Protein backbone atom coordinates (compact mmCIF):
# COMPACT_ATOMS: atom_id res chain seq x y z
CA UNK A 1 -23.15 6.38 -3.38
CA UNK A 2 -22.30 4.38 -0.27
CA UNK A 3 -18.53 3.85 -0.65
CA UNK A 4 -18.33 1.70 2.48
CA UNK A 5 -20.92 -0.71 1.08
CA UNK A 6 -19.22 -0.66 -2.33
CA UNK A 7 -15.96 -1.76 -0.66
CA UNK A 8 -17.73 -4.59 1.17
CA UNK A 9 -19.53 -5.69 -2.01
CA UNK A 10 -16.28 -5.85 -4.02
CA UNK A 11 -14.61 -7.96 -1.33
CA UNK A 12 -17.60 -10.30 -1.05
CA UNK A 13 -17.73 -10.77 -4.85
CA UNK A 14 -13.99 -11.52 -4.86
CA UNK A 15 -14.47 -14.28 -2.27
CA UNK A 16 -17.32 -15.70 -4.36
CA UNK A 17 -14.95 -15.77 -7.36
CA UNK A 18 -12.21 -17.59 -5.40
CA UNK A 19 -10.22 -14.55 -4.28
CA UNK A 20 -9.31 -13.24 -0.85
CA UNK A 21 -11.51 -11.06 1.37
CA UNK A 22 -10.03 -7.61 0.72
CA UNK A 23 -11.07 -4.60 -1.39
CA UNK A 24 -10.25 -0.92 -1.88
CA UNK A 25 -12.25 2.00 -3.28
CA UNK A 26 -10.58 5.37 -3.94
CA UNK A 27 -12.86 8.41 -4.04
CA UNK A 28 -12.12 11.91 -5.33
CA UNK A 29 -14.67 14.71 -5.47
CA UNK A 30 -17.47 12.34 -4.49
CA UNK A 31 -16.80 9.94 -7.37
CA UNK A 32 -15.03 6.58 -7.53
CA UNK A 33 -11.61 7.15 -9.07
CA UNK A 34 -10.42 3.54 -8.79
CA UNK A 35 -11.39 0.29 -7.09
CA UNK A 36 -10.03 -3.20 -6.83
CA UNK A 37 -10.31 -6.45 -4.95
CA UNK A 38 -7.22 -8.33 -3.77
CA UNK A 39 -5.92 -10.36 -6.75
CA UNK A 40 -3.10 -12.34 -5.09
CA UNK A 41 -4.85 -15.72 -5.41
CA UNK A 42 -5.83 -15.08 -9.03
CA UNK A 43 -2.43 -13.81 -10.20
CA UNK A 44 0.08 -15.50 -7.86
CA UNK A 45 1.48 -12.00 -7.35
CA UNK A 46 2.11 -11.30 -3.65
CA UNK A 47 1.96 -7.54 -4.33
CA UNK A 48 -1.51 -7.69 -5.93
CA UNK A 49 -3.24 -6.40 -2.81
CA UNK A 50 -6.39 -4.36 -3.31
CA UNK A 51 -4.78 -1.15 -2.05
CA UNK A 52 -1.77 -1.48 -4.36
CA UNK A 53 -3.88 -2.23 -7.43
CA UNK A 54 -6.34 0.60 -6.77
CA UNK A 55 -3.53 3.07 -6.02
CA UNK A 56 -1.82 2.15 -9.30
CA UNK A 57 -5.05 2.67 -11.27
CA UNK A 58 -5.85 5.98 -9.57
CA UNK A 59 -2.36 7.36 -10.10
CA UNK A 60 -2.39 6.42 -13.79
CA UNK A 61 -5.78 8.11 -14.23
CA UNK A 62 -4.60 11.28 -12.48
CA UNK A 63 -1.14 11.25 -14.07
CA UNK A 64 0.57 11.65 -10.70
CA UNK A 65 1.98 9.56 -7.88
CA UNK A 66 0.12 11.72 -5.34
CA UNK A 67 -3.45 11.04 -4.27
CA UNK A 68 -4.04 14.24 -2.34
CA UNK A 69 -7.71 15.14 -2.35
CA UNK A 70 -8.81 11.51 -2.11
CA UNK A 71 -10.36 9.27 0.49
CA UNK A 72 -9.35 5.62 0.34
CA UNK A 73 -11.72 2.97 1.70
CA UNK A 74 -10.22 -0.41 2.59
CA UNK A 75 -11.99 -3.46 3.96
CA UNK A 76 -9.43 -4.18 6.68
CA UNK A 77 -6.66 -2.34 8.45
CA UNK A 78 -3.85 -2.29 5.88
CA UNK A 79 -0.93 -4.71 6.00
CA UNK A 80 2.51 -3.13 6.29
CA UNK A 81 3.13 -3.15 2.51
CA UNK A 82 -0.16 -1.42 1.82
CA UNK A 83 0.23 0.94 4.75
CA UNK A 84 3.57 2.03 3.32
CA UNK A 85 1.94 2.61 -0.08
CA UNK A 86 -0.85 4.60 1.51
CA UNK A 87 1.64 6.83 3.30
CA UNK A 88 3.61 7.23 0.09
CA UNK A 89 0.66 8.38 -2.06
CA UNK A 90 -0.60 10.95 0.51
CA UNK A 91 -4.41 10.61 0.44
CA UNK A 92 -6.45 12.99 2.58
CA UNK A 93 -7.89 10.08 4.55
CA UNK A 94 -7.94 6.28 4.80
CA UNK A 95 -11.10 4.62 6.10
CA UNK A 96 -10.79 0.97 7.17
CA UNK A 97 -13.86 -1.11 7.93
CA UNK A 98 -12.53 -3.87 10.18
CA UNK A 99 -9.49 -4.68 12.31
CA UNK A 100 -7.21 -7.70 12.28
CA UNK A 101 -8.50 -8.62 15.74
CA UNK A 102 -12.07 -8.68 14.43
CA UNK A 103 -11.35 -10.85 11.37
CA UNK A 104 -8.61 -13.08 12.86
CA UNK A 105 -11.07 -15.80 13.99
CA UNK A 106 -12.01 -16.18 10.29
CA UNK A 107 -8.84 -15.42 8.31
CA UNK A 108 -5.08 -15.72 9.02
CA UNK A 109 -2.24 -15.32 6.52
CA UNK A 110 1.04 -15.67 8.38
CA UNK A 111 4.17 -16.24 6.30
CA UNK A 112 7.73 -17.37 6.98
CA UNK A 113 8.98 -13.91 7.93
CA UNK A 114 5.65 -12.13 8.15
CA UNK A 115 3.24 -12.57 11.02
CA UNK A 116 0.80 -9.75 11.61
CA UNK A 117 1.05 -10.04 15.39
CA UNK A 118 4.79 -9.32 15.38
CA UNK A 119 5.49 -7.58 12.09
CA UNK A 120 5.54 -3.98 13.28
CA UNK A 121 8.02 -4.90 16.03
CA UNK A 122 10.07 -6.88 13.52
CA UNK A 123 10.06 -3.99 11.05
CA UNK A 124 11.33 -1.56 13.70
CA UNK A 125 14.45 -3.65 14.37
CA UNK A 126 17.77 -2.73 12.76
CA UNK A 127 18.09 -4.48 9.39
CA UNK A 128 20.69 -6.95 10.67
CA UNK A 129 18.46 -8.13 13.56
CA UNK A 130 15.35 -8.96 11.51
CA UNK A 131 14.16 -12.52 10.86
CA UNK A 132 14.39 -11.92 7.10
CA UNK A 133 18.00 -12.63 6.15
CA UNK A 134 19.54 -9.44 4.76
CA UNK A 135 23.10 -8.64 3.69
CA UNK A 136 24.57 -5.19 3.07
CA UNK A 137 27.13 -4.96 0.28
CA UNK A 138 28.21 -1.32 0.22
CA UNK A 139 29.20 0.01 -3.20
CA UNK A 140 30.19 3.59 -3.95
CA UNK A 141 28.78 3.09 -7.45
CA UNK A 142 25.35 2.63 -5.90
CA UNK A 143 25.60 6.03 -4.19
CA UNK A 144 26.80 7.49 -7.49
CA UNK A 145 23.40 6.73 -9.04
CA UNK A 146 21.86 9.12 -6.49
CA UNK A 147 24.48 11.78 -7.14
CA UNK A 148 23.64 11.47 -10.85
CA UNK A 149 19.92 11.84 -10.08
CA UNK A 150 20.59 14.97 -7.99
CA UNK A 151 22.75 16.43 -10.77
CA UNK A 152 19.99 15.76 -13.34
CA UNK A 153 17.53 17.56 -11.04
CA UNK A 154 19.41 20.83 -10.76
CA UNK A 155 21.09 19.90 -7.49
CA UNK A 156 17.75 19.31 -5.74
CA UNK A 157 17.55 16.25 -3.46
CA UNK A 158 13.75 16.27 -3.07
CA UNK A 159 11.30 14.98 -5.66
CA UNK A 160 9.51 18.00 -7.13
CA UNK A 161 5.82 18.35 -6.34
CA UNK A 162 5.81 15.81 -3.52
CA UNK A 163 3.47 16.62 -0.62
CA UNK A 164 5.97 16.67 2.21
CA UNK A 165 6.13 17.42 5.88
CA UNK A 166 7.67 20.74 6.84
CA UNK A 167 11.37 20.63 6.14
């Protein structure tokens, strides 16, 4: 099967149905494990990006939060939310089919605090210098939740079974 073409076809069908021009196909062992178009317009859910929806479906099917052994095809270079999710689920590879520069003459989705041209710079700033208003209210009780988690996990700080960089 041509997974690149499948990704394009899903995105095109989504546009025809009133959705946005994004799609994701997740492949494991040469078979489609999960696929989804972007469903933000249809659901009014700003997290209903194609990558997020397909990752959720694949993880449920596999019974794990890790997508090692998979290749994930996405129509466009992932937004920061999706990029974070892709890093978090640890696929073997992500294949994107177009760049923001290539599609920008046809599609732009800037938001109050989120503009693709500046987001990565904005994200790298300390939390108290970002455009998104944030406030830190330190509470020892919040840290206690993590101590409790560590205690419940035999004193281990790391999540068991997580594909991790060398420690």
